[in-house]
C-alpha cells in the first residue's frame, strides 16, 4: 500500500521536475 503511494508521489515529482526544467529553458 505504502509502496504504491510512494510511486505516485515519485511520478508527480518527476512531472514537476520536467515542468520546472521546461520553464527554465524558455
N, C-alpha and C. Protein backbone atom coordinates (compact mmCIF):
# COMPACT_ATOMS: atom_id res chain seq x y z
N UNK A 1 0.85 -1.20 0.00
CA UNK A 1 0.00 0.00 0.00
C UNK A 1 0.89 1.26 0.00
N UNK A 2 1.81 1.29 0.93
CA UNK A 2 2.69 2.46 1.00
C UNK A 2 3.53 2.58 -0.26
N UNK A 3 3.96 1.43 -0.79
CA UNK A 3 4.79 1.44 -1.99
C UNK A 3 4.07 2.13 -3.15
N UNK A 4 2.79 1.84 -3.32
CA UNK A 4 2.04 2.45 -4.42
C UNK A 4 1.95 3.96 -4.22
N UNK A 5 1.81 4.38 -2.98
CA UNK A 5 1.72 5.82 -2.70
C UNK A 5 3.05 6.49 -3.05
N UNK A 6 4.15 5.85 -2.66
CA UNK A 6 5.47 6.42 -2.97
C UNK A 6 5.65 6.52 -4.48
N UNK A 7 5.23 5.50 -5.20
CA UNK A 7 5.36 5.54 -6.66
C UNK A 7 4.57 6.71 -7.23
N UNK A 8 3.36 6.92 -6.69
CA UNK A 8 2.53 8.01 -7.19
C UNK A 8 3.21 9.35 -6.93
N UNK A 9 3.74 9.52 -5.72
CA UNK A 9 4.42 10.77 -5.37
C UNK A 9 5.66 10.95 -6.24
N UNK A 10 6.38 9.85 -6.47
CA UNK A 10 7.58 9.92 -7.30
C UNK A 10 7.22 10.38 -8.70
N UNK A 11 6.12 9.84 -9.23
CA UNK A 11 5.69 10.20 -10.58
C UNK A 11 5.35 11.69 -10.64
N UNK A 12 4.63 12.17 -9.62
CA UNK A 12 4.27 13.59 -9.59
C UNK A 12 5.53 14.44 -9.49
N UNK A 13 6.48 13.99 -8.68
CA UNK A 13 7.73 14.73 -8.50
C UNK A 13 8.48 14.85 -9.82
N UNK A 14 8.57 13.75 -10.56
CA UNK A 14 9.27 13.78 -11.85
C UNK A 14 8.56 14.72 -12.80
N UNK A 15 7.23 14.70 -12.79
CA UNK A 15 6.46 15.57 -13.69
C UNK A 15 6.75 17.04 -13.34
N UNK A 16 6.80 17.33 -12.04
CA UNK A 16 7.07 18.70 -11.59
C UNK A 16 8.48 19.11 -12.02
N UNK A 17 9.44 18.19 -11.90
CA UNK A 17 10.82 18.49 -12.31
C UNK A 17 10.87 18.80 -13.80
N UNK A 18 10.20 17.99 -14.60
CA UNK A 18 10.20 18.21 -16.05
C UNK A 18 9.56 19.56 -16.37
N UNK A 19 8.49 19.90 -15.67
CA UNK A 19 7.80 21.16 -15.90
C UNK A 19 8.73 22.33 -15.57
N UNK A 20 9.42 22.23 -14.41
CA UNK A 20 10.33 23.29 -13.99
C UNK A 20 11.46 23.43 -15.01
N UNK A 21 11.99 22.31 -15.48
CA UNK A 21 13.08 22.35 -16.47
C UNK A 21 12.60 23.04 -17.74
N UNK A 22 11.40 22.72 -18.18
CA UNK A 22 10.86 23.33 -19.39
C UNK A 22 10.71 24.83 -19.22
N UNK A 23 10.26 25.26 -18.05
CA UNK A 23 10.08 26.69 -17.81
C UNK A 23 11.44 27.39 -17.81
N UNK A 24 12.44 26.76 -17.20
CA UNK A 24 13.77 27.38 -17.15
C UNK A 24 14.35 27.54 -18.55
N UNK A 25 14.14 26.55 -19.40
CA UNK A 25 14.70 26.60 -20.76
C UNK A 25 14.09 27.73 -21.57
N UNK A 26 12.81 28.02 -21.38
CA UNK A 26 12.15 29.04 -22.19
C UNK A 26 12.17 30.42 -21.57
